Amino acid sequence: MNINKDENSQEDVYMTLEELAPILSESNYLYLGHGTRSEDSKVVDSIFDNGLRTKNGSLYYTTLVLDAPTPELIKTYEEDGMDIPTIDSLKHLFNNWPHCNSKEIIIARLPMEYVNKKGNSADLDGEMYGAFYTERLQENGESINYLDSRFIVGCYDVDRQMVRMNKKFERSLSEETINWLKVGYEKTVAKTEARLDRQNKQLLSMFDSFDVEDNIEFDNLSQNFKK
């Protein structure tokens, strides 16, 4: 079930972070933030409608991982003797966004089940988060990855101290979305396996080259010794 009952409603829905605590602290999700300096609501409208455009085709360069108060993070922080993440600490981060003092922060939530943990950590070629991407062809013919709108919770407004909700966000994933994610996840895993296979072949080729050179050098030394 989506957070907004009426997707066709033209009226924006705003909620406080405290009201969103159940969504922002669920287990087995990765939470991301993306700041925007623009005060034009059409920019947020576009992100809600079309998804979040990635930089260099990767969420790694586009977003910050949020220390959301999930049971997993709370346990990890407690074990490390660190201050546990809370809604208040999340609000403090949003109100003091480290990138260009952004006043509007897009909040995304990804189910960890479809994050390719073996993928390249910089998400190169969409290996790690590719299951959540929609590719869009630009006018110049370039294909750009966009984080699909279904995983965008909303946009935190620093001035209002509230989150403008995204009507397309799916708190409970539909069967269609789950099937779509499964296909995308398989593609990301295949990319990782192909890259690792190429790297292994390159290493083997290097070792084979070294072996040949070493044998030639050893043979030359042997011939000189015999002389």
Foldseek 3Di string as FASTA:
>chain_A
DFPDPDLPDPDWDKAALVVCLVLQAEPQKWKKKAFDADPDVVVQVCCLVPFAWDDLQFVLRGIDTDLGNYPVQQVVCVVVVHDHDDSVVRLVCQCQPPPPRGQKMWMFMGRNVLFQPLFDPRCNVNQGPQLQWDWDQDPVRDITTGRDSQGTQFMQGNVVNITGGRRNHDSPDDPVSVVSSVVRSVVSVVVSVVVVVVVVVVVVVVVVVVVVVVVVVVVVVVVVVVD
